[in-house]
Amino acid sequence: MKRVYELDVYKLAEELSDMVWNDFDKWNKKVQNTVGYQIIRSSDSIAANIAEGYGRYTPADRKKFYLYSRGSLEETKSWLR
């Protein structure tokens, strides 16, 4: 079984999070303090929930965290529009 860090979906989630963090410093303080921190939290949560779900024992637990991850992805997309 692969490690979570080897999964393509996890790598993509980490890449998105890194892009958000790299762009954060380019935003003005108002944007950082309003939506900026929320975008960071939601984008970081994508990979975190994939990792947590991957480490769970039961299929139901894994599914729950994968769905949380998908929700965080949709939230991030909403903030970035």
C-alpha atoms as a PDB file:
ATOM      1  CA  MET A   1       0.000   0.000   0.000  1.00  0.00           C
ATOM      2  CA  LYS A   2       1.305   3.435  -0.906  1.00  0.00           C
ATOM      3  CA  ARG A   3       1.994   6.106   1.645  1.00  0.00           C
ATOM      4  CA  VAL A   4      -0.422   9.003   1.566  1.00  0.00           C
ATOM      5  CA  TYR A   5       2.384  11.304   0.394  1.00  0.00           C
ATOM      6  CA  GLU A   6       2.732   9.208  -2.765  1.00  0.00           C
ATOM      7  CA  LEU A   7      -0.886   9.613  -3.878  1.00  0.00           C
ATOM      8  CA  ASP A   8      -1.434  11.931  -6.835  1.00  0.00           C
ATOM      9  CA  VAL A   9      -4.506  13.478  -5.223  1.00  0.00           C
ATOM     10  CA  TYR A  10      -2.514  14.306  -2.092  1.00  0.00           C
ATOM     11  CA  LYS A  11       0.307  15.813  -4.160  1.00  0.00           C
ATOM     12  CA  LEU A  12      -2.180  18.006  -6.034  1.00  0.00           C
ATOM     13  CA  ALA A  13      -3.757  19.160  -2.784  1.00  0.00           C
ATOM     14  CA  GLU A  14      -0.330  20.082  -1.416  1.00  0.00           C
ATOM     15  CA  GLU A  15       0.498  21.909  -4.636  1.00  0.00           C
ATOM     16  CA  LEU A  16      -2.690  23.978  -4.373  1.00  0.00           C
ATOM     17  CA  SER A  17      -1.965  24.818  -0.749  1.00  0.00           C
ATOM     18  CA  ASP A  18       1.583  25.881  -1.631  1.00  0.00           C
ATOM     19  CA  MET A  19       0.265  28.132  -4.405  1.00  0.00           C
ATOM     20  CA  VAL A  20      -2.134  29.828  -1.993  1.00  0.00           C
ATOM     21  CA  TRP A  21       0.618  30.354   0.579  1.00  0.00           C
ATOM     22  CA  ASN A  22       2.983  31.743  -2.069  1.00  0.00           C
ATOM     23  CA  ASP A  23       0.377  34.229  -3.293  1.00  0.00           C
ATOM     24  CA  PHE A  24      -0.738  35.300   0.194  1.00  0.00           C
ATOM     25  CA  ASP A  25       2.140  37.752   0.685  1.00  0.00           C
ATOM     26  CA  LYS A  26       1.224  39.493  -2.574  1.00  0.00           C
ATOM     27  CA  TRP A  27      -2.244  40.392  -1.278  1.00  0.00           C
ATOM     28  CA  ASN A  28      -2.871  43.636   0.564  1.00  0.00           C
ATOM     29  CA  LYS A  29      -3.543  43.510   4.310  1.00  0.00           C
ATOM     30  CA  LYS A  30      -7.291  43.971   3.910  1.00  0.00           C
ATOM     31  CA  VAL A  31      -7.546  40.921   1.665  1.00  0.00           C
ATOM     32  CA  GLN A  32      -5.213  38.923   3.912  1.00  0.00           C
ATOM     33  CA  ASN A  33      -7.280  39.718   6.987  1.00  0.00           C
ATOM     34  CA  THR A  34     -10.685  39.099   5.427  1.00  0.00           C
ATOM     35  CA  VAL A  35     -10.629  36.206   2.965  1.00  0.00           C
ATOM     36  CA  GLY A  36      -6.912  35.438   2.910  1.00  0.00           C
ATOM     37  CA  TYR A  37      -6.712  33.480   6.125  1.00  0.00           C
ATOM     38  CA  GLN A  38      -9.905  31.611   5.280  1.00  0.00           C
ATOM     39  CA  ILE A  39      -8.481  30.563   1.901  1.00  0.00           C
ATOM     40  CA  ILE A  40      -5.349  29.311   3.645  1.00  0.00           C
ATOM     41  CA  ARG A  41      -7.383  27.294   6.151  1.00  0.00           C
ATOM     42  CA  SER A  42      -9.631  25.734   3.535  1.00  0.00           C
ATOM     43  CA  SER A  43      -6.798  24.913   1.117  1.00  0.00           C
ATOM     44  CA  ASP A  44      -4.632  23.413   3.879  1.00  0.00           C
ATOM     45  CA  SER A  45      -7.601  21.341   5.004  1.00  0.00           C
ATOM     46  CA  ILE A  46      -7.825  19.506   1.670  1.00  0.00           C
ATOM     47  CA  ALA A  47      -4.564  17.575   2.063  1.00  0.00           C
ATOM     48  CA  ALA A  48      -4.993  17.284   5.834  1.00  0.00           C
ATOM     49  CA  ASN A  49      -8.335  15.517   5.449  1.00  0.00           C
ATOM     50  CA  ILE A  50      -6.978  13.230   2.735  1.00  0.00           C
ATOM     51  CA  ALA A  51      -4.154  12.243   5.082  1.00  0.00           C
ATOM     52  CA  GLU A  52      -6.471  11.752   8.037  1.00  0.00           C
ATOM     53  CA  GLY A  53      -8.896   9.679   6.004  1.00  0.00           C
ATOM     54  CA  TYR A  54      -6.066   7.585   4.605  1.00  0.00           C
ATOM     55  CA  GLY A  55      -4.977   6.765   8.134  1.00  0.00           C
ATOM     56  CA  ARG A  56      -8.423   5.647   9.280  1.00  0.00           C
ATOM     57  CA  TYR A  57      -9.232   1.978   9.657  1.00  0.00           C
ATOM     58  CA  THR A  58     -12.818   1.603   8.495  1.00  0.00           C
ATOM     59  CA  PRO A  59     -14.092   2.429   5.020  1.00  0.00           C
ATOM     60  CA  ALA A  60     -16.834   4.596   6.561  1.00  0.00           C
ATOM     61  CA  ASP A  61     -14.253   6.682   8.436  1.00  0.00           C
ATOM     62  CA  ARG A  62     -12.094   7.039   5.329  1.00  0.00           C
ATOM     63  CA  LYS A  63     -15.075   8.111   3.252  1.00  0.00           C
ATOM     64  CA  LYS A  64     -16.103  10.713   5.826  1.00  0.00           C
ATOM     65  CA  PHE A  65     -12.715  12.432   5.705  1.00  0.00           C
ATOM     66  CA  TYR A  66     -12.489  12.216   1.924  1.00  0.00           C
ATOM     67  CA  LEU A  67     -15.856  13.978   1.772  1.00  0.00           C
ATOM     68  CA  TYR A  68     -14.561  16.639   4.173  1.00  0.00           C
ATOM     69  CA  SER A  69     -11.633  17.094   1.815  1.00  0.00           C
ATOM     70  CA  ARG A  70     -13.943  17.528  -1.146  1.00  0.00           C
ATOM     71  CA  GLY A  71     -15.934  20.081   0.833  1.00  0.00           C
ATOM     72  CA  SER A  72     -12.757  22.013   1.608  1.00  0.00           C
ATOM     73  CA  LEU A  73     -11.848  21.969  -2.079  1.00  0.00           C
ATOM     74  CA  GLU A  74     -15.228  23.427  -3.010  1.00  0.00           C
ATOM     75  CA  GLU A  75     -14.876  26.067  -0.295  1.00  0.00           C
ATOM     76  CA  THR A  76     -11.429  27.018  -1.604  1.00  0.00           C
ATOM     77  CA  LYS A  77     -12.740  27.272  -5.151  1.00  0.00           C
ATOM     78  CA  SER A  78     -15.540  29.511  -3.923  1.00  0.00           C
ATOM     79  CA  TRP A  79     -13.118  31.885  -2.168  1.00  0.00           C
ATOM     80  CA  LEU A  80     -10.854  32.088  -5.206  1.00  0.00           C
ATOM     81  CA  ARG A  81     -13.587  33.189  -7.625  1.00  0.00           C
END
